[in-house]
Amino acid sequence: MIATLGDCGSICVFRIIILCEKNQLNVYCQEIGLSLYDHVCELNKQTGEVLFNGNVIVLRPKTFELLLLLASQPQAVFSKPEMLASVWQGAVVEDQVIFQSINEIRKEFGLPEVIKTYPRRGYSWEISTTVIEESKINANKVISPSNVAIKHRTVFLTLLISVAITLSILTFFILNNTNDTVQSKRQSEHSLPSATSPLAHEGIVVLPFNVSSLGDSQQWLRFGAMEGLIKKLSPNKGVTVFHLEDVIEILNRIPIGERDDVEQIFEKSGASIILQTSISGFPGELNVIYTVFSRTNRVTKTLIAQNLEGVLVTLAKLFEQSIDENLVITPEVFDTQLQNQLIIKAIQFLEVDDQTSALAFIQSAVVNEPNNIIALYFLAKTTLSMGKADESLTATESALVLTENKNYHEYRPRLLYFKGLSLASLGHLANAEISLLKSAKFAKMNKDWLYYAYVQSILGMLNQAKNKNDLASEYFYAALEYQEILGCPMGVAQGHLDFADFYLHQGDKSSAQQSFKQAQALVSEKNLKQMFVLITEMQQRLK
């Protein structure tokens, strides 16, 4: 089985071989949350509004019609031809419109599980729903097995409504790859939303600050200021802010001498906005030159601030204006953890993919400060990518203890992912699955969709190894759908390779060839060198 470690296709691609007998393992853990039967949904045909757990949702007209169709028979599977004939009758459209509407519903409900995907068959609506005709309230209730259960749970639902609302705001979409050429050509089951889709999201890349004009004592600002700004930009339903390590790995895909080429950064990341900043001057009078790049234009301005905190607050506000989104500027004081020079040197080596040198500095940082969450995080990730699963597991366990502190919650899903991969590499598959399921849960809570997609892929592999092909297929489809929405070329290519391996496992060589060709075309088009070995290996297996 082929697996990828890291963010949006990482600096390291490696293989995990999972060996187990049929039915050797069971699913040991499930994500904690309300049952689908506990949610309350009403559709108002007159207004086109949806009332879900007390929240009003407004969908596009065709999307609402599709929801009405699915909700007319909860848990019944509707094929794509049936949906096209009912909702888009007489119109010349492609299957992609169904994919867009399905994902719009999942995004607005904040609960992807409301619609279940049946590979090659269709989709089904999974919760009981009341349809309101005209002004008649509570009329025409759709009959389903779960209606009786809901009547008896009214009091319980009242107590849980605050929890239900919290769970329902999870978003399915992050950002949309705006490469029109790629999107217009994808006609398969896994077609991407178009660049002009109303579901498109903003992806922000904050580049390392240029501090070459500052003294040696302030060189830490290259990554320190970058991290400080990232933490002031909170992701919301329309915005994804790439983490520091995500940006480093994106830059690592570009030759060293070409990393100032913004077009290449757009190409390799799928982002829609990039911030490039340089700082000069001295404390009390910092001169800042910043450029905001979009795919169509750029704006360069200067500002002067007395201190770094003022620079970061101002840049965060300017970002809000630039992308016309209601970004939340948090009141947290700038995090100074990256002042540790050992970590800075390690990150600089990771930028040039010199993991051996980086590891030496990371290990020194941990010795000097054993409870430094960033040092432990990079230690866990780097040792795992170097194949040192035992060392990675030890570092991960130490770091997870620190994530009990609310300031470090953002690291939890990624550390649990590292733990799951380490355990799988060491042959502890049952415990690996538990860790990965926990990672998926916390990734949802933190809206860390990059790692959520990777968890789905690995869970698919584990279930494939147990010959639970239906469940494995669902995980693989979820992983690929999230990667396509993220717009990460390497993640999408990995998703198609997952399916190529899946189909080979079932003896369906024709389908395997089709998935492989999609991966191969993307790797070639985007020049994803990190994937060349995996492409060659799969090519040999398909001969």
Protein backbone atom coordinates (compact mmCIF):
# COMPACT_ATOMS: atom_id res chain seq x y z
CA MET A 1 0.00 0.00 0.00
CA ILE A 2 1.28 3.46 -0.85
CA ALA A 3 1.06 6.27 1.70
CA THR A 4 2.10 9.89 1.79
CA LEU A 5 3.39 11.69 4.87
CA GLY A 6 2.86 15.38 5.32
CA ASP A 7 0.90 18.41 4.25
CA CYS A 8 -0.63 18.56 0.79
CA GLY A 9 1.89 16.05 -0.52
CA SER A 10 4.97 16.38 1.63
CA ILE A 11 8.75 16.69 1.41
CA CYS A 12 8.82 12.96 1.97
CA VAL A 13 6.91 10.21 0.19
CA PHE A 14 7.28 6.72 1.54
CA ARG A 15 5.57 3.34 1.51
CA ILE A 16 3.92 1.41 4.31
CA ILE A 17 3.47 -2.30 3.72
CA ILE A 18 0.52 -3.59 5.70
CA LEU A 19 0.43 -7.39 6.07
CA CYS A 20 -2.57 -8.98 7.74
CA GLU A 21 -4.95 -11.91 7.39
CA LYS A 22 -8.54 -11.50 6.31
CA ASN A 23 -10.68 -10.26 9.21
CA GLN A 24 -7.59 -10.01 11.40
CA LEU A 25 -8.57 -6.58 12.70
CA ASN A 26 -11.82 -4.85 13.62
CA VAL A 27 -12.65 -1.18 13.74
CA TYR A 28 -11.90 -0.37 17.37
CA CYS A 29 -12.98 3.24 17.57
CA GLN A 30 -15.65 5.53 16.14
CA GLU A 31 -15.77 9.27 16.04
CA ILE A 32 -17.74 10.63 18.98
CA GLY A 33 -20.76 12.77 18.15
CA LEU A 34 -24.50 12.77 17.67
CA SER A 35 -26.12 9.98 15.72
CA LEU A 36 -27.43 11.03 12.35
CA TYR A 37 -30.87 10.10 13.62
CA ASP A 38 -30.64 12.79 16.32
CA HIS A 39 -30.54 15.73 13.88
CA VAL A 40 -33.68 17.66 12.95
CA CYS A 41 -34.11 18.93 9.38
CA GLU A 42 -36.99 20.77 7.68
CA LEU A 43 -37.21 21.81 4.01
CA ASN A 44 -39.47 24.74 3.10
CA LYS A 45 -40.48 24.36 -0.56
CA GLN A 46 -41.99 27.86 -0.65
CA THR A 47 -38.90 29.77 0.52
CA GLY A 48 -36.22 27.31 -0.54
CA GLU A 49 -34.79 27.42 2.97
CA VAL A 50 -33.52 24.59 5.10
CA LEU A 51 -33.88 24.52 8.90
CA PHE A 52 -31.20 22.25 10.36
CA ASN A 53 -30.99 21.90 14.14
CA GLY A 54 -32.47 25.38 14.48
CA ASN A 55 -30.13 27.02 11.93
CA VAL A 56 -31.41 28.45 8.63
CA ILE A 57 -29.50 27.33 5.54
CA VAL A 58 -30.06 28.84 2.08
CA LEU A 59 -28.99 26.75 -0.92
CA ARG A 60 -28.84 27.50 -4.62
CA PRO A 61 -32.16 26.61 -6.33
CA LYS A 62 -30.87 23.52 -8.15
CA THR A 63 -29.04 22.34 -5.07
CA PHE A 64 -32.25 22.71 -3.06
CA GLU A 65 -34.15 20.70 -5.70
CA LEU A 66 -31.52 17.96 -5.46
CA LEU A 67 -31.86 17.92 -1.68
CA LEU A 68 -35.65 17.64 -2.00
CA LEU A 69 -35.20 14.64 -4.28
CA LEU A 70 -32.77 12.86 -1.95
CA ALA A 71 -34.82 13.67 1.15
CA SER A 72 -37.99 12.33 -0.45
CA GLN A 73 -36.65 8.83 0.24
CA PRO A 74 -34.08 8.87 3.08
CA GLN A 75 -31.39 6.19 2.72
CA ALA A 76 -32.53 5.31 -0.81
CA VAL A 77 -29.73 5.39 -3.38
CA PHE A 78 -30.29 7.80 -6.30
CA SER A 79 -28.11 7.28 -9.37
CA LYS A 80 -26.60 10.16 -11.32
CA PRO A 81 -28.90 9.62 -14.33
CA GLU A 82 -31.91 9.75 -11.98
CA MET A 83 -30.70 13.01 -10.42
CA LEU A 84 -29.93 14.62 -13.78
CA ALA A 85 -33.31 13.60 -15.20
CA SER A 86 -35.23 14.92 -12.18
CA VAL A 87 -33.35 18.12 -11.29
CA TRP A 88 -31.76 19.17 -14.57
CA GLN A 89 -34.31 17.74 -17.02
CA GLY A 90 -34.02 19.27 -20.47
CA ALA A 91 -30.71 20.95 -19.67
CA VAL A 92 -27.41 19.92 -21.26
CA VAL A 93 -25.13 19.52 -18.25
CA GLU A 94 -22.36 17.21 -17.07
CA ASP A 95 -22.09 14.98 -14.03
CA GLN A 96 -19.92 17.66 -12.43
CA VAL A 97 -23.00 19.70 -11.46
CA ILE A 98 -24.10 16.86 -9.21
CA PHE A 99 -20.71 16.74 -7.53
CA GLN A 100 -20.85 20.50 -6.91
CA SER A 101 -24.35 20.40 -5.43
CA ILE A 102 -23.60 17.38 -3.23
CA ASN A 103 -20.57 19.13 -1.81
CA GLU A 104 -22.48 22.40 -1.36
CA ILE A 105 -25.01 20.54 0.81
CA ARG A 106 -22.25 18.88 2.83
CA LYS A 107 -20.48 22.20 3.31
CA GLU A 108 -23.56 24.16 4.37
CA PHE A 109 -24.72 21.45 6.76
CA GLY A 110 -21.19 21.21 8.16
CA LEU A 111 -21.65 17.44 8.30
CA PRO A 112 -20.40 15.46 5.27
CA GLU A 113 -22.13 12.31 6.56
CA VAL A 114 -25.61 13.66 5.78
CA ILE A 115 -25.06 12.37 2.25
CA LYS A 116 -23.52 8.95 1.78
CA THR A 117 -21.54 8.11 -1.35
CA TYR A 118 -22.04 4.72 -2.96
CA PRO A 119 -19.15 4.34 -5.42
CA ARG A 120 -20.35 3.83 -9.00
CA ARG A 121 -23.98 3.72 -7.78
CA GLY A 122 -24.99 7.12 -6.49
CA TYR A 123 -25.86 9.01 -3.30
CA SER A 124 -28.33 8.73 -0.43
CA TRP A 125 -29.72 11.16 2.17
CA GLU A 126 -29.06 9.84 5.68
CA ILE A 127 -31.25 11.88 8.05
CA SER A 128 -35.00 12.11 8.58
CA THR A 129 -36.50 15.24 7.03
CA THR A 130 -39.79 17.16 7.13
CA VAL A 131 -40.92 18.89 3.92
CA ILE A 132 -43.10 21.99 4.41
CA GLU A 133 -45.53 22.68 1.56
CA GLU A 134 -46.53 26.34 1.06
CA SER A 135 -47.42 27.90 4.42
CA LYS A 136 -48.50 24.69 6.06
CA ILE A 137 -46.29 24.04 9.03
CA ASN A 138 -45.25 20.51 9.87
CA ALA A 139 -47.12 19.12 6.84
CA ASN A 140 -46.17 16.30 4.51
CA LYS A 141 -43.67 14.73 6.82
CA VAL A 142 -41.48 12.22 5.05
CA ILE A 143 -41.99 8.79 6.52
CA SER A 144 -38.80 7.05 7.57
CA PRO A 145 -37.83 4.58 10.31
CA SER A 146 -36.12 7.36 12.22
CA ASN A 147 -39.23 9.58 12.55
CA VAL A 148 -40.60 7.52 15.41
CA ALA A 149 -37.28 7.69 17.20
CA ILE A 150 -37.17 11.48 16.84
CA LYS A 151 -40.60 11.88 18.45
CA HIS A 152 -39.35 10.08 21.53
CA ARG A 153 -36.13 12.07 21.64
CA THR A 154 -37.60 15.59 21.71
CA VAL A 155 -36.57 16.31 25.28
CA PHE A 156 -33.14 14.79 24.77
CA LEU A 157 -32.61 16.85 21.61
CA THR A 158 -33.49 20.02 23.47
CA LEU A 159 -30.72 19.31 25.94
CA LEU A 160 -28.27 18.55 23.15
CA ILE A 161 -29.14 21.41 20.79
CA SER A 162 -26.10 23.48 21.70
CA VAL A 163 -23.87 20.48 20.97
CA ALA A 164 -25.65 19.82 17.69
CA ILE A 165 -25.19 23.42 16.56
CA THR A 166 -21.50 23.24 17.38
CA LEU A 167 -21.06 20.03 15.40
CA SER A 168 -23.06 21.37 12.46
CA ILE A 169 -20.74 24.29 11.71
CA LEU A 170 -17.86 22.10 10.50
CA THR A 171 -17.06 23.01 6.90
CA PHE A 172 -16.43 20.60 4.06
CA PHE A 173 -14.76 23.00 1.64
CA ILE A 174 -11.39 24.68 2.10
CA LEU A 175 -10.14 26.13 -1.11
CA ASN A 176 -10.58 25.44 -4.78
CA ASN A 177 -7.78 24.99 -7.23
CA THR A 178 -8.24 27.78 -9.78
CA ASN A 179 -6.32 26.15 -12.59
CA ASP A 180 -9.04 26.36 -15.27
CA THR A 181 -7.24 24.07 -17.69
CA VAL A 182 -7.07 21.15 -15.30
CA GLN A 183 -10.62 21.63 -14.02
CA SER A 184 -12.21 21.85 -17.46
CA LYS A 185 -10.67 18.55 -18.54
CA ARG A 186 -11.65 16.37 -15.56
CA GLN A 187 -14.76 14.48 -16.61
CA SER A 188 -14.46 11.46 -14.31
CA GLU A 189 -16.23 10.51 -11.09
CA HIS A 190 -13.76 12.76 -9.29
CA SER A 191 -14.25 15.98 -11.28
CA LEU A 192 -13.11 19.19 -9.62
CA PRO A 193 -15.43 22.11 -8.95
CA SER A 194 -14.90 24.85 -11.53
CA ALA A 195 -12.87 27.95 -10.73
CA THR A 196 -15.97 30.13 -11.03
CA SER A 197 -18.02 27.94 -8.70
CA PRO A 198 -19.68 29.76 -5.77
CA LEU A 199 -18.00 27.12 -3.61
CA ALA A 200 -14.52 28.49 -4.35
CA HIS A 201 -12.50 29.37 -1.26
CA GLU A 202 -9.45 31.49 -0.53
CA GLY A 203 -6.18 29.78 0.30
CA ILE A 204 -3.54 32.02 1.93
CA VAL A 205 0.21 31.39 1.80
CA VAL A 206 2.32 33.60 4.06
CA LEU A 207 5.92 33.34 2.86
CA PRO A 208 8.95 33.49 5.21
CA PHE A 209 9.81 37.15 5.86
CA ASN A 210 12.87 38.62 4.16
CA VAL A 211 15.02 39.89 7.05
CA SER A 212 18.40 39.98 5.30
CA SER A 213 18.75 43.71 6.18
CA LEU A 214 18.41 43.07 9.91
CA GLY A 215 21.21 42.13 12.31
CA ASP A 216 22.10 38.58 13.29
CA SER A 217 20.14 38.85 16.54
CA GLN A 218 16.94 39.43 14.55
CA GLN A 219 17.29 36.72 11.88
CA TRP A 220 14.82 34.57 13.81
CA LEU A 221 12.12 36.92 12.50
CA ARG A 222 12.30 35.16 9.11
CA PHE A 223 10.11 32.40 10.53
CA GLY A 224 9.07 33.98 13.81
CA ALA A 225 7.22 36.88 12.19
CA MET A 226 5.79 34.53 9.60
CA GLU A 227 4.40 32.24 12.32
CA GLY A 228 3.10 35.22 14.29
CA LEU A 229 1.09 36.49 11.31
CA ILE A 230 -0.28 33.04 10.50
CA LYS A 231 -1.59 32.73 14.05
CA LYS A 232 -3.42 36.04 13.72
CA LEU A 233 -5.31 34.80 10.68
CA SER A 234 -8.00 32.37 11.81
CA PRO A 235 -9.50 30.04 9.17
CA ASN A 236 -13.23 30.31 8.57
CA LYS A 237 -15.74 28.81 6.17
CA GLY A 238 -14.28 30.75 3.26
CA VAL A 239 -10.59 30.89 4.12
CA THR A 240 -7.75 28.44 4.69
CA VAL A 241 -4.44 29.68 6.09
CA PHE A 242 -1.51 27.34 5.40
CA HIS A 243 0.57 26.39 8.45
CA LEU A 244 4.27 27.26 8.64
CA GLU A 245 5.33 23.68 7.90
CA ASP A 246 2.90 23.52 4.97
CA VAL A 247 4.58 26.54 3.38
CA ILE A 248 8.05 25.08 3.92
CA GLU A 249 7.04 21.90 2.13
CA ILE A 250 5.48 23.84 -0.75
CA LEU A 251 8.74 25.79 -1.19
CA ASN A 252 10.66 22.52 -1.02
CA ARG A 253 8.96 21.43 -4.25
CA ILE A 254 10.54 24.35 -6.09
CA PRO A 255 14.26 24.51 -7.01
CA ILE A 256 16.19 26.72 -4.59
CA GLY A 257 17.03 29.37 -7.17
CA GLU A 258 13.39 29.68 -8.27
CA ARG A 259 11.61 30.09 -4.93
CA ASP A 260 10.98 33.77 -5.53
CA ASP A 261 8.85 32.84 -8.53
CA VAL A 262 5.34 33.51 -7.25
CA GLU A 263 3.75 31.75 -10.23
CA GLN A 264 5.46 28.52 -9.21
CA ILE A 265 4.21 28.92 -5.64
CA PHE A 266 0.65 29.33 -6.95
CA GLU A 267 1.16 26.26 -9.15
CA LYS A 268 2.58 24.02 -6.42
CA SER A 269 0.21 25.05 -3.62
CA GLY A 270 -3.18 25.66 -5.24
CA ALA A 271 -3.41 28.87 -3.15
CA SER A 272 -5.26 31.96 -4.29
CA ILE A 273 -3.41 34.64 -2.27
CA ILE A 274 0.28 34.96 -1.35
CA LEU A 275 1.90 37.51 0.97
CA GLN A 276 5.56 38.41 0.49
CA THR A 277 7.11 40.65 3.17
CA SER A 278 10.50 42.20 3.94
CA ILE A 279 11.50 44.03 7.14
CA SER A 280 14.37 46.50 7.65
CA GLY A 281 15.18 49.28 10.09
CA PHE A 282 15.56 48.94 13.84
CA PRO A 283 13.34 48.54 16.95
CA GLY A 284 11.14 51.60 17.27
CA GLU A 285 11.13 52.23 13.53
CA LEU A 286 10.60 49.10 11.46
CA ASN A 287 10.22 49.56 7.72
CA VAL A 288 7.99 46.99 6.07
CA ILE A 289 7.48 46.36 2.37
CA TYR A 290 4.73 43.88 1.59
CA THR A 291 3.20 42.56 -1.60
CA VAL A 292 -0.16 40.83 -1.83
CA PHE A 293 -0.34 38.56 -4.88
CA SER A 294 -3.50 37.14 -6.38
CA ARG A 295 -3.62 35.06 -9.55
CA THR A 296 -4.51 38.14 -11.60
CA ASN A 297 -2.68 41.08 -10.00
CA ARG A 298 -0.48 42.28 -7.17
CA VAL A 299 -0.37 45.23 -4.79
CA THR A 300 2.84 46.46 -3.14
CA LYS A 301 2.82 48.91 -0.21
CA THR A 302 4.99 50.04 2.69
CA LEU A 303 4.32 50.70 6.34
CA ILE A 304 6.28 51.81 9.39
CA ALA A 305 5.70 50.37 12.86
CA GLN A 306 7.28 50.79 16.27
CA ASN A 307 7.36 47.08 17.05
CA LEU A 308 6.78 43.68 15.54
CA GLU A 309 3.36 43.25 17.13
CA GLY A 310 2.22 46.41 15.36
CA VAL A 311 3.49 45.04 12.05
CA LEU A 312 1.60 41.77 12.47
CA VAL A 313 -1.68 43.37 13.53
CA THR A 314 -1.51 45.81 10.62
CA LEU A 315 -0.71 43.08 8.09
CA ALA A 316 -3.58 40.94 9.39
CA LYS A 317 -5.99 43.84 8.92
CA LEU A 318 -4.66 44.52 5.44
CA PHE A 319 -5.19 40.88 4.55
CA GLU A 320 -8.79 41.16 5.66
CA GLN A 321 -9.28 44.10 3.32
CA SER A 322 -7.40 42.42 0.46
CA ILE A 323 -9.52 39.28 0.30
CA ASP A 324 -12.81 40.81 1.41
CA GLU A 325 -13.32 38.11 4.01
CA ASN A 326 -14.18 38.49 7.67
CA LEU A 327 -10.95 37.08 9.02
CA VAL A 328 -10.74 36.93 12.79
CA ILE A 329 -7.78 38.83 14.24
CA THR A 330 -7.05 37.13 17.55
CA PRO A 331 -5.89 39.13 20.55
CA GLU A 332 -3.17 36.64 21.40
CA VAL A 333 0.28 38.09 22.01
CA PHE A 334 2.88 37.14 19.41
CA ASP A 335 4.25 33.67 20.10
CA THR A 336 8.02 33.85 20.64
CA GLN A 337 8.76 30.13 20.66
CA LEU A 338 10.50 30.26 17.30
CA GLN A 339 13.20 32.49 18.77
CA ASN A 340 15.00 29.29 19.58
CA GLN A 341 17.92 29.53 17.15
CA LEU A 342 18.34 25.75 16.99
CA ILE A 343 14.85 25.34 15.58
CA ILE A 344 15.39 28.17 13.12
CA LYS A 345 18.52 26.47 11.77
CA ALA A 346 16.66 23.19 11.54
CA ILE A 347 13.86 24.80 9.52
CA GLN A 348 16.43 26.34 7.20
CA PHE A 349 17.84 22.88 6.49
CA LEU A 350 14.33 21.50 5.97
CA GLU A 351 13.81 24.22 3.36
CA VAL A 352 16.58 22.62 1.27
CA ASP A 353 15.41 19.07 2.09
CA ASP A 354 18.53 18.29 4.18
CA GLN A 355 16.76 16.24 6.83
CA THR A 356 19.91 14.77 8.35
CA SER A 357 21.35 18.20 9.21
CA ALA A 358 17.94 19.45 10.33
CA LEU A 359 17.54 16.49 12.68
CA ALA A 360 20.79 17.30 14.48
CA PHE A 361 19.56 20.81 15.33
CA ILE A 362 16.07 19.60 16.26
CA GLN A 363 17.49 17.02 18.66
CA SER A 364 19.68 19.68 20.25
CA ALA A 365 16.63 21.92 20.67
CA VAL A 366 14.75 19.16 22.46
CA VAL A 367 17.70 18.50 24.79
CA ASN A 368 17.82 22.21 25.69
CA GLU A 369 14.05 22.54 26.09
CA PRO A 370 12.28 19.13 26.45
CA ASN A 371 8.81 20.71 26.58
CA ASN A 372 9.16 22.82 23.45
CA ILE A 373 6.10 21.77 21.42
CA ILE A 374 7.54 23.00 18.12
CA ALA A 375 10.83 21.14 18.61
CA LEU A 376 8.97 17.93 19.50
CA TYR A 377 6.61 18.38 16.56
CA PHE A 378 9.44 18.69 14.05
CA LEU A 379 11.31 15.84 15.75
CA ALA A 380 8.30 13.53 15.36
CA LYS A 381 7.73 14.52 11.75
CA THR A 382 11.35 14.47 10.60
CA THR A 383 12.23 11.12 12.20
CA LEU A 384 9.11 9.54 10.73
CA SER A 385 9.91 10.81 7.23
CA MET A 386 13.42 9.36 7.66
CA GLY A 387 11.97 5.94 8.54
CA LYS A 388 12.78 6.11 12.27
CA ALA A 389 9.34 5.10 13.51
CA ASP A 390 10.45 4.27 17.07
CA GLU A 391 12.00 7.70 17.59
CA SER A 392 9.01 9.40 16.00
CA LEU A 393 6.60 7.56 18.28
CA THR A 394 8.55 8.60 21.39
CA ALA A 395 8.59 12.26 20.32
CA THR A 396 4.92 12.14 19.38
CA GLU A 397 3.86 10.77 22.76
CA SER A 398 5.79 13.53 24.55
CA ALA A 399 4.27 16.21 22.34
CA LEU A 400 0.71 14.87 22.74
CA VAL A 401 0.97 15.36 26.51
CA LEU A 402 1.65 19.04 25.88
CA THR A 403 -1.42 19.40 23.63
CA GLU A 404 -3.62 19.21 26.73
CA ASN A 405 -2.70 22.89 26.97
CA LYS A 406 -5.37 24.76 24.95
CA ASN A 407 -2.68 26.86 23.25
CA TYR A 408 -1.35 23.71 21.56
CA HIS A 409 -4.62 22.07 20.44
CA GLU A 410 -3.83 22.82 16.79
CA TYR A 411 -0.98 20.31 16.89
CA ARG A 412 -3.09 17.40 18.17
CA PRO A 413 -4.59 16.02 14.90
CA ARG A 414 -1.22 16.11 13.15
CA LEU A 415 0.60 14.44 16.04
CA LEU A 416 -2.07 11.73 16.20
CA TYR A 417 -1.56 11.21 12.46
CA PHE A 418 2.20 10.80 12.99
CA LYS A 419 1.47 8.40 15.82
CA GLY A 420 -0.86 6.33 13.64
CA LEU A 421 1.70 6.08 10.84
CA SER A 422 4.48 5.18 13.30
CA LEU A 423 2.36 2.43 14.84
CA ALA A 424 1.41 1.10 11.38
CA SER A 425 5.08 1.08 10.34
CA LEU A 426 5.90 -0.94 13.48
CA GLY A 427 3.11 -3.43 12.77
CA HIS A 428 0.68 -2.28 15.50
CA LEU A 429 -2.24 -1.92 13.11
CA ALA A 430 -5.11 -1.99 15.61
CA ASN A 431 -3.65 0.81 17.71
CA ALA A 432 -2.72 2.67 14.53
CA GLU A 433 -6.37 2.68 13.49
CA ILE A 434 -7.47 4.03 16.86
CA SER A 435 -4.96 6.87 16.63
CA LEU A 436 -5.99 7.73 13.08
CA LEU A 437 -9.68 7.84 13.98
CA LYS A 438 -8.87 10.23 16.80
CA SER A 439 -6.81 12.30 14.38
CA ALA A 440 -9.80 12.55 12.02
CA LYS A 441 -12.03 13.69 14.89
CA PHE A 442 -9.68 16.45 16.04
CA ALA A 443 -8.83 17.48 12.47
CA LYS A 444 -12.54 18.16 11.95
CA MET A 445 -12.74 20.13 15.18
CA ASN A 446 -9.71 22.23 14.18
CA LYS A 447 -10.76 22.47 10.51
CA ASP A 448 -7.38 21.01 9.57
CA TRP A 449 -8.64 19.56 6.31
CA LEU A 450 -5.17 18.82 4.92
CA TYR A 451 -4.56 16.16 7.52
CA TYR A 452 -8.18 15.04 7.54
CA ALA A 453 -7.76 14.04 3.89
CA TYR A 454 -4.59 12.09 4.60
CA VAL A 455 -6.20 10.25 7.50
CA GLN A 456 -9.02 9.11 5.20
CA SER A 457 -6.44 7.70 2.79
CA ILE A 458 -4.60 5.69 5.45
CA LEU A 459 -7.85 4.41 6.96
CA GLY A 460 -8.80 3.24 3.47
CA MET A 461 -5.55 1.27 3.26
CA LEU A 462 -6.09 -0.35 6.65
CA ASN A 463 -9.59 -1.46 5.72
CA GLN A 464 -8.41 -2.66 2.31
CA ALA A 465 -5.85 -4.84 4.10
CA LYS A 466 -8.72 -6.36 6.10
CA ASN A 467 -10.64 -6.99 2.83
CA LYS A 468 -13.36 -4.56 3.93
CA ASN A 469 -13.53 -3.21 0.41
CA ASP A 470 -16.78 -1.23 0.70
CA LEU A 471 -15.52 0.68 3.73
CA ALA A 472 -12.08 1.13 2.16
CA SER A 473 -13.68 2.56 -0.98
CA GLU A 474 -15.66 5.10 1.08
CA TYR A 475 -12.49 6.27 2.81
CA PHE A 476 -10.62 6.57 -0.50
CA TYR A 477 -13.47 8.56 -2.08
CA ALA A 478 -13.58 10.89 0.92
CA ALA A 479 -9.80 11.40 0.75
CA LEU A 480 -9.88 12.18 -2.96
CA GLU A 481 -12.86 14.53 -2.66
CA TYR A 482 -11.15 16.54 0.06
CA GLN A 483 -7.87 16.66 -1.88
CA GLU A 484 -9.64 17.88 -5.00
CA ILE A 485 -11.35 20.63 -3.02
CA LEU A 486 -8.04 21.55 -1.42
CA GLY A 487 -6.62 21.88 -4.92
CA CYS A 488 -3.35 20.18 -4.01
CA PRO A 489 -1.92 18.46 -7.12
CA MET A 490 0.21 16.00 -5.13
CA GLY A 491 -2.68 15.07 -2.86
CA VAL A 492 -4.98 14.45 -5.83
CA ALA A 493 -2.33 12.35 -7.57
CA GLN A 494 -1.89 10.31 -4.37
CA GLY A 495 -5.66 9.79 -4.23
CA HIS A 496 -5.73 8.33 -7.74
CA LEU A 497 -2.79 6.07 -6.89
CA ASP A 498 -4.72 4.86 -3.84
CA PHE A 499 -7.55 3.83 -6.16
CA ALA A 500 -5.15 2.20 -8.61
CA ASP A 501 -3.82 0.05 -5.76
CA PHE A 502 -7.38 -0.60 -4.52
CA TYR A 503 -8.57 -1.85 -7.91
CA LEU A 504 -5.49 -4.04 -8.35
CA HIS A 505 -6.22 -5.57 -4.96
CA GLN A 506 -9.66 -6.53 -6.33
CA GLY A 507 -8.26 -7.83 -9.61
CA ASP A 508 -9.85 -5.02 -11.64
CA LYS A 509 -6.85 -4.12 -13.80
CA SER A 510 -8.86 -1.97 -16.21
CA SER A 511 -10.08 0.40 -13.48
CA ALA A 512 -6.60 0.40 -11.97
CA GLN A 513 -5.15 1.52 -15.30
CA GLN A 514 -7.70 4.33 -15.54
CA SER A 515 -6.90 5.67 -12.06
CA PHE A 516 -3.17 5.35 -12.71
CA LYS A 517 -3.41 7.37 -15.93
CA GLN A 518 -5.13 10.20 -14.05
CA ALA A 519 -2.34 10.22 -11.47
CA GLN A 520 0.37 9.96 -14.11
CA ALA A 521 -1.07 12.85 -16.15
CA LEU A 522 -1.21 15.10 -13.10
CA VAL A 523 2.31 14.22 -11.97
CA SER A 524 3.64 14.92 -15.45
CA GLU A 525 1.71 18.16 -15.92
CA LYS A 526 2.74 19.58 -12.52
CA ASN A 527 6.24 18.06 -12.61
CA LEU A 528 5.75 16.49 -9.17
CA LYS A 529 9.21 14.97 -8.82
CA GLN A 530 8.47 13.55 -5.37
CA MET A 531 5.89 11.25 -6.99
CA PHE A 532 8.11 9.87 -9.76
CA VAL A 533 9.18 6.82 -7.76
CA LEU A 534 5.59 5.89 -6.87
CA ILE A 535 4.46 6.37 -10.47
CA THR A 536 7.26 4.11 -11.74
CA GLU A 537 6.47 1.46 -9.13
CA MET A 538 2.76 1.40 -9.99
CA GLN A 539 3.58 1.29 -13.69
CA GLN A 540 5.62 -1.87 -13.10
CA ARG A 541 2.78 -3.47 -11.16
CA LEU A 542 0.32 -2.79 -13.98
CA LYS A 543 2.42 -4.53 -16.64
